[in-house]
Structures are given as C-alpha cells and as structure tokens.
PDB file of N, CA and C in Angstrom:
ATOM      1  N   VAL A   1      81.730  15.508  22.225  1.00  0.00           N
ATOM      2  CA  VAL A   1      81.789  16.625  21.298  1.00  0.00           C
ATOM      3  C   VAL A   1      81.301  16.155  19.938  1.00  0.00           C
ATOM      4  N   SER A   2      80.404  16.903  19.357  1.00  0.00           N
ATOM      5  CA  SER A   2      79.879  16.515  18.050  1.00  0.00           C
ATOM      6  C   SER A   2      80.628  17.256  16.945  1.00  0.00           C
ATOM      7  N   GLU A   3      80.615  16.647  15.793  1.00  0.00           N
ATOM      8  CA  GLU A   3      81.252  17.260  14.634  1.00  0.00           C
ATOM      9  C   GLU A   3      80.192  17.954  13.791  1.00  0.00           C
ATOM     10  N   ALA A   4      80.586  19.041  13.150  1.00  0.00           N
ATOM     11  CA  ALA A   4      79.665  19.746  12.255  1.00  0.00           C
ATOM     12  C   ALA A   4      79.569  18.981  10.946  1.00  0.00           C
ATOM     13  N   ASN A   5      78.361  18.770  10.478  1.00  0.00           N
ATOM     14  CA  ASN A   5      78.143  18.135   9.190  1.00  0.00           C
ATOM     15  C   ASN A   5      78.062  19.234   8.143  1.00  0.00           C
ATOM     16  N   LEU A   6      79.129  19.445   7.415  1.00  0.00           N
ATOM     17  CA  LEU A   6      79.190  20.550   6.456  1.00  0.00           C
ATOM     18  C   LEU A   6      78.371  20.283   5.195  1.00  0.00           C
ATOM     19  N   GLN A   7      77.912  19.051   5.005  1.00  0.00           N
ATOM     20  CA  GLN A   7      77.091  18.719   3.847  1.00  0.00           C
ATOM     21  C   GLN A   7      75.608  18.996   4.106  1.00  0.00           C
ATOM     22  N   ASN A   8      75.226  19.223   5.345  1.00  0.00           N
ATOM     23  CA  ASN A   8      73.839  19.429   5.730  1.00  0.00           C
ATOM     24  C   ASN A   8      73.406  20.848   5.359  1.00  0.00           C
ATOM     25  N   ASP A   9      72.398  20.971   4.491  1.00  0.00           N
ATOM     26  CA  ASP A   9      71.906  22.284   4.068  1.00  0.00           C
ATOM     27  C   ASP A   9      71.123  22.991   5.167  1.00  0.00           C
ATOM     28  N   ARG A  10      70.729  22.271   6.227  1.00  0.00           N
ATOM     29  CA  ARG A  10      69.943  22.869   7.300  1.00  0.00           C
ATOM     30  C   ARG A  10      70.806  23.412   8.433  1.00  0.00           C
ATOM     31  N   THR A  11      72.103  23.414   8.270  1.00  0.00           N
ATOM     32  CA  THR A  11      72.987  23.916   9.314  1.00  0.00           C
ATOM     33  C   THR A  11      72.823  25.429   9.456  1.00  0.00           C
ATOM     34  N   HIS A  12      73.085  25.950  10.639  1.00  0.00           N
ATOM     35  CA  HIS A  12      72.970  27.389  10.864  1.00  0.00           C
ATOM     36  C   HIS A  12      74.215  28.139  10.402  1.00  0.00           C
ATOM     37  N   ILE A  13      75.243  27.412  10.038  1.00  0.00           N
ATOM     38  CA  ILE A  13      76.450  28.034   9.516  1.00  0.00           C
ATOM     39  C   ILE A  13      76.165  28.457   8.088  1.00  0.00           C
ATOM     40  N   VAL A  14      76.546  29.670   7.742  1.00  0.00           N
ATOM     41  CA  VAL A  14      76.280  30.186   6.400  1.00  0.00           C
ATOM     42  C   VAL A  14      77.534  30.047   5.552  1.00  0.00           C
ATOM     43  N   PHE A  15      77.402  29.304   4.469  1.00  0.00           N
ATOM     44  CA  PHE A  15      78.504  29.138   3.530  1.00  0.00           C
ATOM     45  C   PHE A  15      78.160  29.920   2.273  1.00  0.00           C
ATOM     46  N   THR A  16      79.027  30.825   1.881  1.00  0.00           N
ATOM     47  CA  THR A  16      78.746  31.606   0.680  1.00  0.00           C
ATOM     48  C   THR A  16      79.392  31.001  -0.563  1.00  0.00           C
ATOM     49  N   TRP A  17      80.357  30.137  -0.389  1.00  0.00           N
ATOM     50  CA  TRP A  17      81.009  29.499  -1.530  1.00  0.00           C
ATOM     51  C   TRP A  17      80.430  28.109  -1.729  1.00  0.00           C
ATOM     52  N   GLN A  18      80.041  27.817  -2.972  1.00  0.00           N
ATOM     53  CA  GLN A  18      79.550  26.491  -3.314  1.00  0.00           C
ATOM     54  C   GLN A  18      80.469  25.885  -4.354  1.00  0.00           C
ATOM     55  N   CYS A  19      80.921  24.678  -4.086  1.00  0.00           N
ATOM     56  CA  CYS A  19      81.845  23.978  -4.974  1.00  0.00           C
ATOM     57  C   CYS A  19      81.235  22.635  -5.353  1.00  0.00           C
ATOM     58  N   PRO A  20      80.661  22.533  -6.543  1.00  0.00           N
ATOM     59  CA  PRO A  20      80.080  21.256  -6.968  1.00  0.00           C
ATOM     60  C   PRO A  20      81.156  20.169  -7.026  1.00  0.00           C
ATOM     61  N   ARG A  21      80.765  18.944  -6.693  1.00  0.00           N
ATOM     62  CA  ARG A  21      81.722  17.831  -6.686  1.00  0.00           C
ATOM     63  C   ARG A  21      82.273  17.530  -8.082  1.00  0.00           C
ATOM     64  N   ASP A  22      81.490  17.809  -9.107  1.00  0.00           N
ATOM     65  CA  ASP A  22      81.909  17.469 -10.463  1.00  0.00           C
ATOM     66  C   ASP A  22      82.539  18.632 -11.214  1.00  0.00           C
ATOM     67  N   SER A  23      82.981  19.649 -10.494  1.00  0.00           N
ATOM     68  CA  SER A  23      83.560  20.829 -11.139  1.00  0.00           C
ATOM     69  C   SER A  23      84.742  21.343 -10.332  1.00  0.00           C
ATOM     70  N   ASP A  24      85.690  21.956 -11.038  1.00  0.00           N
ATOM     71  CA  ASP A  24      86.830  22.588 -10.373  1.00  0.00           C
ATOM     72  C   ASP A  24      86.545  24.037 -10.030  1.00  0.00           C
ATOM     73  N   VAL A  25      85.370  24.522 -10.442  1.00  0.00           N
ATOM     74  CA  VAL A  25      85.027  25.926 -10.276  1.00  0.00           C
ATOM     75  C   VAL A  25      84.051  26.087  -9.116  1.00  0.00           C
ATOM     76  N   CYS A  26      84.379  26.997  -8.219  1.00  0.00           N
ATOM     77  CA  CYS A  26      83.497  27.317  -7.097  1.00  0.00           C
ATOM     78  C   CYS A  26      82.848  28.675  -7.348  1.00  0.00           C
ATOM     79  N   GLU A  27      81.636  28.846  -6.794  1.00  0.00           N
ATOM     80  CA  GLU A  27      80.920  30.109  -6.943  1.00  0.00           C
ATOM     81  C   GLU A  27      80.652  30.724  -5.585  1.00  0.00           C
ATOM     82  N   ASN A  28      80.838  32.051  -5.499  1.00  0.00           N
ATOM     83  CA  ASN A  28      80.488  32.772  -4.282  1.00  0.00           C
ATOM     84  C   ASN A  28      79.035  33.213  -4.420  1.00  0.00           C
ATOM     85  N   LYS A  29      78.159  32.705  -3.560  1.00  0.00           N
ATOM     86  CA  LYS A  29      76.717  32.964  -3.644  1.00  0.00           C
ATOM     87  C   LYS A  29      76.244  34.065  -2.699  1.00  0.00           C
ATOM     88  N   ASP A  30      77.182  34.785  -2.065  1.00  0.00           N
ATOM     89  CA  ASP A  30      76.718  35.822  -1.141  1.00  0.00           C
ATOM     90  C   ASP A  30      76.057  36.956  -1.910  1.00  0.00           C
ATOM     91  N   LYS A  31      75.187  37.679  -1.232  1.00  0.00           N
ATOM     92  CA  LYS A  31      74.448  38.761  -1.861  1.00  0.00           C
ATOM     93  C   LYS A  31      74.823  40.101  -1.250  1.00  0.00           C
ATOM     94  N   LEU A  32      75.990  40.143  -0.643  1.00  0.00           N
ATOM     95  CA  LEU A  32      76.442  41.393  -0.038  1.00  0.00           C
ATOM     96  C   LEU A  32      77.067  42.294  -1.091  1.00  0.00           C
ATOM     97  N   ASN A  33      76.873  43.565  -0.919  1.00  0.00           N
ATOM     98  CA  ASN A  33      77.561  44.538  -1.753  1.00  0.00           C
ATOM     99  C   ASN A  33      78.004  45.690  -0.862  1.00  0.00           C
ATOM    100  N   GLU A  34      78.566  46.705  -1.467  1.00  0.00           N
ATOM    101  CA  GLU A  34      79.096  47.813  -0.660  1.00  0.00           C
ATOM    102  C   GLU A  34      78.010  48.541   0.125  1.00  0.00           C
ATOM    103  N   PHE A  35      76.765  48.491  -0.334  1.00  0.00           N
ATOM    104  CA  PHE A  35      75.692  49.183   0.370  1.00  0.00           C
ATOM    105  C   PHE A  35      75.293  48.466   1.662  1.00  0.00           C
ATOM    106  N   GLY A  36      75.578  47.175   1.742  1.00  0.00           N
ATOM    107  CA  GLY A  36      75.275  46.429   2.943  1.00  0.00           C
ATOM    108  C   GLY A  36      76.156  46.804   4.117  1.00  0.00           C
ATOM    109  N   TRP A  37      77.242  47.469   3.825  1.00  0.00           N
ATOM    110  CA  TRP A  37      78.195  47.836   4.873  1.00  0.00           C
ATOM    111  C   TRP A  37      78.050  49.286   5.308  1.00  0.00           C
ATOM    112  N   VAL A  38      77.079  50.011   4.768  1.00  0.00           N
ATOM    113  CA  VAL A  38      76.913  51.430   5.081  1.00  0.00           C
ATOM    114  C   VAL A  38      76.672  51.642   6.570  1.00  0.00           C
ATOM    115  N   SER A  39      75.788  50.830   7.163  1.00  0.00           N
ATOM    116  CA  SER A  39      75.504  51.025   8.590  1.00  0.00           C
ATOM    117  C   SER A  39      76.725  50.720   9.443  1.00  0.00           C
ATOM    118  N   THR A  40      77.522  49.757   9.014  1.00  0.00           N
ATOM    119  CA  THR A  40      78.747  49.440   9.754  1.00  0.00           C
ATOM    120  C   THR A  40      79.705  50.611   9.716  1.00  0.00           C
ATOM    121  N   VAL A  41      79.884  51.192   8.552  1.00  0.00           N
ATOM    122  CA  VAL A  41      80.783  52.348   8.415  1.00  0.00           C
ATOM    123  C   VAL A  41      80.240  53.523   9.226  1.00  0.00           C
ATOM    124  N   TYR A  42      78.935  53.732   9.155  1.00  0.00           N
ATOM    125  CA  TYR A  42      78.311  54.821   9.908  1.00  0.00           C
ATOM    126  C   TYR A  42      78.522  54.627  11.403  1.00  0.00           C
ATOM    127  N   ASN A  43      78.242  53.411  11.883  1.00  0.00           N
ATOM    128  CA  ASN A  43      78.420  53.134  13.315  1.00  0.00           C
ATOM    129  C   ASN A  43      79.862  53.337  13.748  1.00  0.00           C
ATOM    130  N   LYS A  44      80.797  52.903  12.939  1.00  0.00           N
ATOM    131  CA  LYS A  44      82.214  53.071  13.274  1.00  0.00           C
ATOM    132  C   LYS A  44      82.585  54.549  13.299  1.00  0.00           C
ATOM    133  N   ALA A  45      81.991  55.317  12.409  1.00  0.00           N
ATOM    134  CA  ALA A  45      82.314  56.742  12.331  1.00  0.00           C
ATOM    135  C   ALA A  45      81.785  57.519  13.532  1.00  0.00           C
ATOM    136  N   ILE A  46      80.646  57.118  14.081  1.00  0.00           N
ATOM    137  CA  ILE A  46      80.061  57.901  15.168  1.00  0.00           C
ATOM    138  C   ILE A  46      80.332  57.308  16.547  1.00  0.00           C
ATOM    139  N   ALA A  47      80.854  56.075  16.591  1.00  0.00           N
ATOM    140  CA  ALA A  47      81.091  55.427  17.884  1.00  0.00           C
ATOM    141  C   ALA A  47      82.403  55.914  18.490  1.00  0.00           C
ATOM    142  N   ILE A  48      82.420  55.916  19.825  1.00  0.00           N
ATOM    143  CA  ILE A  48      83.640  56.334  20.519  1.00  0.00           C
ATOM    144  C   ILE A  48      84.321  55.166  21.235  1.00  0.00           C
ATOM    145  N   SER A  49      83.682  53.972  21.190  1.00  0.00           N
ATOM    146  CA  SER A  49      84.291  52.790  21.803  1.00  0.00           C
ATOM    147  C   SER A  49      83.695  51.539  21.172  1.00  0.00           C
ATOM    148  N   ASN A  50      84.305  50.393  21.438  1.00  0.00           N
ATOM    149  CA  ASN A  50      83.768  49.125  20.934  1.00  0.00           C
ATOM    150  C   ASN A  50      82.378  48.864  21.502  1.00  0.00           C
ATOM    151  N   THR A  51      82.204  49.189  22.751  1.00  0.00           N
ATOM    152  CA  THR A  51      80.902  49.009  23.386  1.00  0.00           C
ATOM    153  C   THR A  51      79.850  49.864  22.698  1.00  0.00           C
ATOM    154  N   ASP A  52      80.215  51.058  22.306  1.00  0.00           N
ATOM    155  CA  ASP A  52      79.292  51.957  21.616  1.00  0.00           C
ATOM    156  C   ASP A  52      78.886  51.374  20.257  1.00  0.00           C
ATOM    157  N   ILE A  53      79.826  50.765  19.550  1.00  0.00           N
ATOM    158  CA  ILE A  53      79.514  50.137  18.258  1.00  0.00           C
ATOM    159  C   ILE A  53      78.502  49.013  18.459  1.00  0.00           C
ATOM    160  N   ILE A  54      78.744  48.179  19.475  1.00  0.00           N
ATOM    161  CA  ILE A  54      77.830  47.069  19.746  1.00  0.00           C
ATOM    162  C   ILE A  54      76.451  47.594  20.130  1.00  0.00           C
ATOM    163  N   PHE A  55      76.423  48.609  20.974  1.00  0.00           N
ATOM    164  CA  PHE A  55      75.148  49.200  21.395  1.00  0.00           C
ATOM    165  C   PHE A  55      74.365  49.718  20.197  1.00  0.00           C
ATOM    166  N   LYS A  56      75.029  50.421  19.301  1.00  0.00           N
ATOM    167  CA  LYS A  56      74.348  50.987  18.133  1.00  0.00           C
ATOM    168  C   LYS A  56      73.879  49.879  17.183  1.00  0.00           C
ATOM    169  N   ALA A  57      74.671  48.835  17.029  1.00  0.00           N
ATOM    170  CA  ALA A  57      74.262  47.716  16.175  1.00  0.00           C
ATOM    171  C   ALA A  57      73.035  47.023  16.751  1.00  0.00           C
ATOM    172  N   VAL A  58      73.017  46.818  18.056  1.00  0.00           N
ATOM    173  CA  VAL A  58      71.860  46.198  18.704  1.00  0.00           C
ATOM    174  C   VAL A  58      70.635  47.098  18.560  1.00  0.00           C
ATOM    175  N   ALA A  59      70.824  48.396  18.667  1.00  0.00           N
ATOM    176  CA  ALA A  59      69.707  49.328  18.507  1.00  0.00           C
ATOM    177  C   ALA A  59      69.116  49.227  17.100  1.00  0.00           C
ATOM    178  N   VAL A  60      69.969  49.134  16.088  1.00  0.00           N
ATOM    179  CA  VAL A  60      69.491  48.996  14.713  1.00  0.00           C
ATOM    180  C   VAL A  60      68.717  47.685  14.553  1.00  0.00           C
ATOM    181  N   LEU A  61      69.250  46.611  15.096  1.00  0.00           N
ATOM    182  CA  LEU A  61      68.548  45.322  15.024  1.00  0.00           C
ATOM    183  C   LEU A  61      67.203  45.365  15.741  1.00  0.00           C
ATOM    184  N   PHE A  62      67.160  46.040  16.889  1.00  0.00           N
ATOM    185  CA  PHE A  62      65.920  46.161  17.647  1.00  0.00           C
ATOM    186  C   PHE A  62      64.870  46.933  16.845  1.00  0.00           C
ATOM    187  N   VAL A  63      65.263  48.044  16.268  1.00  0.00           N
ATOM    188  CA  VAL A  63      64.325  48.852  15.481  1.00  0.00           C
ATOM    189  C   VAL A  63      63.828  48.054  14.273  1.00  0.00           C
ATOM    190  N   THR A  64      64.717  47.318  13.625  1.00  0.00           N
ATOM    191  CA  THR A  64      64.320  46.493  12.487  1.00  0.00           C
ATOM    192  C   THR A  64      63.331  45.422  12.914  1.00  0.00           C
ATOM    193  N   GLU A  65      63.602  44.786  14.046  1.00  0.00           N
ATOM    194  CA  GLU A  65      62.695  43.751  14.556  1.00  0.00           C
ATOM    195  C   GLU A  65      61.330  44.347  14.917  1.00  0.00           C
ATOM    196  N   MET A  66      61.322  45.516  15.530  1.00  0.00           N
ATOM    197  CA  MET A  66      60.064  46.177  15.876  1.00  0.00           C
ATOM    198  C   MET A  66      59.276  46.532  14.618  1.00  0.00           C
ATOM    199  N   ASP A  67      59.975  46.988  13.584  1.00  0.00           N
ATOM    200  CA  ASP A  67      59.326  47.314  12.319  1.00  0.00           C
ATOM    201  C   ASP A  67      58.637  46.079  11.745  1.00  0.00           C
ATOM    202  N   GLU A  68      59.326  44.949  11.758  1.00  0.00           N
ATOM    203  CA  GLU A  68      58.733  43.701  11.269  1.00  0.00           C
ATOM    204  C   GLU A  68      57.526  43.298  12.112  1.00  0.00           C
ATOM    205  N   TRP A  69      57.634  43.442  13.418  1.00  0.00           N
ATOM    206  CA  TRP A  69      56.540  43.070  14.318  1.00  0.00           C
ATOM    207  C   TRP A  69      55.307  43.951  14.070  1.00  0.00           C
ATOM    208  N   ILE A  70      55.533  45.248  13.934  1.00  0.00           N
ATOM    209  CA  ILE A  70      54.417  46.179  13.684  1.00  0.00           C
ATOM    210  C   ILE A  70      53.769  45.875  12.336  1.00  0.00           C
ATOM    211  N   PHE A  71      54.588  45.632  11.317  1.00  0.00           N
ATOM    212  CA  PHE A  71      54.059  45.298   9.995  1.00  0.00           C
ATOM    213  C   PHE A  71      53.224  44.026  10.061  1.00  0.00           C
ATOM    214  N   SER A  72      53.712  43.002  10.754  1.00  0.00           N
ATOM    215  CA  SER A  72      52.975  41.743  10.894  1.00  0.00           C
ATOM    216  C   SER A  72      51.652  41.953  11.624  1.00  0.00           C
ATOM    217  N   THR A  73      51.675  42.802  12.636  1.00  0.00           N
ATOM    218  CA  THR A  73      50.459  43.103  13.387  1.00  0.00           C
ATOM    219  C   THR A  73      49.436  43.796  12.496  1.00  0.00           C
ATOM    220  N   LEU A  74      49.883  44.801  11.738  1.00  0.00           N
ATOM    221  CA  LEU A  74      48.976  45.501  10.823  1.00  0.00           C
ATOM    222  C   LEU A  74      48.421  44.558   9.761  1.00  0.00           C
ATOM    223  N   GLU A  75      49.270  43.668   9.280  1.00  0.00           N
ATOM    224  CA  GLU A  75      48.836  42.718   8.270  1.00  0.00           C
ATOM    225  C   GLU A  75      47.799  41.751   8.844  1.00  0.00           C
ATOM    226  N   ALA A  76      47.956  41.364  10.113  1.00  0.00           N
ATOM    227  CA  ALA A  76      46.984  40.476  10.756  1.00  0.00           C
ATOM    228  C   ALA A  76      45.653  41.186  10.975  1.00  0.00           C
ATOM    229  N   ILE A  77      45.709  42.480  11.271  1.00  0.00           N
ATOM    230  CA  ILE A  77      44.489  43.244  11.505  1.00  0.00           C
ATOM    231  C   ILE A  77      43.722  43.448  10.202  1.00  0.00           C
ATOM    232  N   ASN A  78      44.427  43.885   9.173  1.00  0.00           N
ATOM    233  CA  ASN A  78      43.782  44.149   7.887  1.00  0.00           C
ATOM    234  C   ASN A  78      44.833  44.057   6.798  1.00  0.00           C
ATOM    235  N   GLU A  79      44.806  42.976   6.037  1.00  0.00           N
ATOM    236  CA  GLU A  79      45.811  42.726   5.005  1.00  0.00           C
ATOM    237  C   GLU A  79      45.794  43.790   3.904  1.00  0.00           C
ATOM    238  N   ASP A  80      44.650  44.424   3.695  1.00  0.00           N
ATOM    239  CA  ASP A  80      44.570  45.457   2.660  1.00  0.00           C
ATOM    240  C   ASP A  80      45.464  46.659   2.987  1.00  0.00           C
ATOM    241  N   TRP A  81      45.688  46.932   4.273  1.00  0.00           N
ATOM    242  CA  TRP A  81      46.528  48.063   4.661  1.00  0.00           C
ATOM    243  C   TRP A  81      47.979  47.856   4.248  1.00  0.00           C
ATOM    244  N   THR A  82      48.406  46.597   4.184  1.00  0.00           N
ATOM    245  CA  THR A  82      49.822  46.318   3.892  1.00  0.00           C
ATOM    246  C   THR A  82      50.047  45.721   2.508  1.00  0.00           C
ATOM    247  N   SER A  83      49.003  45.340   1.818  1.00  0.00           N
ATOM    248  CA  SER A  83      49.178  44.669   0.527  1.00  0.00           C
ATOM    249  C   SER A  83      49.883  45.551  -0.495  1.00  0.00           C
ATOM    250  N   HIS A  84      49.681  46.856  -0.421  1.00  0.00           N
ATOM    251  CA  HIS A  84      50.307  47.755  -1.392  1.00  0.00           C
ATOM    252  C   HIS A  84      51.824  47.799  -1.259  1.00  0.00           C
ATOM    253  N   VAL A  85      52.351  47.433  -0.107  1.00  0.00           N
ATOM    254  CA  VAL A  85      53.805  47.465   0.098  1.00  0.00           C
ATOM    255  C   VAL A  85      54.489  46.470  -0.824  1.00  0.00           C
ATOM    256  N   ALA A  86      53.842  45.353  -1.094  1.00  0.00           N
ATOM    257  CA  ALA A  86      54.423  44.325  -1.937  1.00  0.00           C
ATOM    258  C   ALA A  86      54.280  44.634  -3.427  1.00  0.00           C
ATOM    259  N   LEU A  87      53.545  45.666  -3.756  1.00  0.00           N
ATOM    260  CA  LEU A  87      53.335  46.011  -5.158  1.00  0.00           C
ATOM    261  C   LEU A  87      54.516  46.804  -5.704  1.00  0.00           C
ATOM    262  N   SER A  88      54.708  46.729  -7.013  1.00  0.00           N
ATOM    263  CA  SER A  88      55.721  47.550  -7.658  1.00  0.00           C
ATOM    264  C   SER A  88      55.228  48.993  -7.731  1.00  0.00           C
ATOM    265  N   GLU A  89      56.098  49.892  -8.109  1.00  0.00           N
ATOM    266  CA  GLU A  89      55.724  51.313  -8.190  1.00  0.00           C
ATOM    267  C   GLU A  89      54.607  51.525  -9.204  1.00  0.00           C
ATOM    268  N   ASP A  90      54.691  50.867 -10.357  1.00  0.00           N
ATOM    269  CA  ASP A  90      53.654  51.016 -11.378  1.00  0.00           C
ATOM    270  C   ASP A  90      52.314  50.463 -10.894  1.00  0.00           C
ATOM    271  N   GLU A  91      52.366  49.310 -10.215  1.00  0.00           N
ATOM    272  CA  GLU A  91      51.138  48.729  -9.696  1.00  0.00           C
ATOM    273  C   GLU A  91      50.518  49.633  -8.634  1.00  0.00           C
ATOM    274  N   THR A  92      51.351  50.255  -7.817  1.00  0.00           N
ATOM    275  CA  THR A  92      50.863  51.163  -6.786  1.00  0.00           C
ATOM    276  C   THR A  92      50.184  52.372  -7.417  1.00  0.00           C
ATOM    277  N   LYS A  93      50.800  52.931  -8.464  1.00  0.00           N
ATOM    278  CA  LYS A  93      50.205  54.078  -9.150  1.00  0.00           C
ATOM    279  C   LYS A  93      48.863  53.708  -9.769  1.00  0.00           C
ATOM    280  N   GLN A  94      48.776  52.516 -10.363  1.00  0.00           N
ATOM    281  CA  GLN A  94      47.527  52.057 -10.961  1.00  0.00           C
ATOM    282  C   GLN A  94      46.454  51.863  -9.883  1.00  0.00           C
ATOM    283  N   LEU A  95      46.841  51.306  -8.747  1.00  0.00           N
ATOM    284  CA  LEU A  95      45.900  51.103  -7.653  1.00  0.00           C
ATOM    285  C   LEU A  95      45.366  52.429  -7.140  1.00  0.00           C
ATOM    286  N   ILE A  96      46.236  53.405  -6.968  1.00  0.00           N
ATOM    287  CA  ILE A  96      45.827  54.729  -6.489  1.00  0.00           C
ATOM    288  C   ILE A  96      44.885  55.379  -7.493  1.00  0.00           C
ATOM    289  N   ALA A  97      45.225  55.272  -8.779  1.00  0.00           N
ATOM    290  CA  ALA A  97      44.379  55.866  -9.812  1.00  0.00           C
ATOM    291  C   ALA A  97      42.991  55.226  -9.824  1.00  0.00           C
ATOM    292  N   SER A  98      42.929  53.911  -9.681  1.00  0.00           N
ATOM    293  CA  SER A  98      41.618  53.240  -9.685  1.00  0.00           C
ATOM    294  C   SER A  98      40.813  53.599  -8.433  1.00  0.00           C
ATOM    295  N   GLN A  99      41.494  53.742  -7.286  1.00  0.00           N
ATOM    296  CA  GLN A  99      40.781  54.139  -6.070  1.00  0.00           C
ATOM    297  C   GLN A  99      40.280  55.578  -6.168  1.00  0.00           C
ATOM    298  N   GLN A 100      41.061  56.462  -6.776  1.00  0.00           N
ATOM    299  CA  GLN A 100      40.618  57.839  -6.969  1.00  0.00           C
ATOM    300  C   GLN A 100      39.409  57.882  -7.894  1.00  0.00           C
ATOM    301  N   GLU A 101      39.413  57.050  -8.939  1.00  0.00           N
ATOM    302  CA  GLU A 101      38.286  56.992  -9.866  1.00  0.00           C
ATOM    303  C   GLU A 101      37.031  56.507  -9.152  1.00  0.00           C
ATOM    304  N   GLU A 102      37.172  55.515  -8.272  1.00  0.00           N
ATOM    305  CA  GLU A 102      36.023  55.031  -7.505  1.00  0.00           C
ATOM    306  C   GLU A 102      35.475  56.126  -6.601  1.00  0.00           C
ATOM    307  N   LEU A 103      36.338  56.914  -5.995  1.00  0.00           N
ATOM    308  CA  LEU A 103      35.880  57.992  -5.118  1.00  0.00           C
ATOM    309  C   LEU A 103      35.146  59.077  -5.900  1.00  0.00           C
ATOM    310  N   ARG A 104      35.570  59.332  -7.115  1.00  0.00           N
ATOM    311  CA  ARG A 104      34.919  60.353  -7.927  1.00  0.00           C
ATOM    312  C   ARG A 104      33.488  59.954  -8.304  1.00  0.00           C
ATOM    313  N   GLN A 105      33.264  58.659  -8.389  1.00  0.00           N
ATOM    314  CA  GLN A 105      31.939  58.157  -8.784  1.00  0.00           C
ATOM    315  C   GLN A 105      30.913  58.351  -7.666  1.00  0.00           C
ATOM    316  N   PHE A 106      31.358  58.521  -6.428  1.00  0.00           N
ATOM    317  CA  PHE A 106      30.429  58.715  -5.318  1.00  0.00           C
ATOM    318  C   PHE A 106      29.993  60.097  -5.314  1.00  0.00           C
TER     319      PHE A 106
END
C-alpha cells in the first residue's frame, strides 16, 4: 500500500486550503461560489431518485464534453471561426464593425 504524498503539487487530490510553513494563516483558494451549485440544486429539484440525480449529472457532463469536442474540431478546421469567442465584448463589436466596413467597400 502506498502513501499519498500531500506535498506533491501534481497529485490528483484537490486541496483548496493552502497553509504556508512560515505562517499561522491559511488561505482557501477554491473558486466556487453560489452560482457553481445551481445545476446541483436544479438536479435535486427535478430528480425523483438518487439514480436520477446521477443520470442527470452525467448527462450534463456529457453535453459539456461534446461542446468542448465540437469547439476543438471547429477550431482545427478553421481557427478564424472560433477566435472571436476568446475576444471581449468590446473587441467583438470592433471586429464586427470593421468587417461590415470591409463589406461596404465591395
């Protein structure tokens, strides 16, 4: 039986609390908030059994994974089709305006 090395940063165990050796103060580094639990509350509200909750959670994970796969495929085919997704709202508006201006010139 092997022991878990809790000092190893490459472990698959997720630790949200970090306690520096030279400090008495620990910090919670998790990025969860109340909005992260919305799907859990929704699933619990509409499920009629534990199995139903698990089924719905797996369905959400599957759809999310498919979305990532489709996005990656589109990006591999033509990066220009997906590059706008990474832009901010202002950058997107500027890009659309410049493309409309180019079309008017034709």
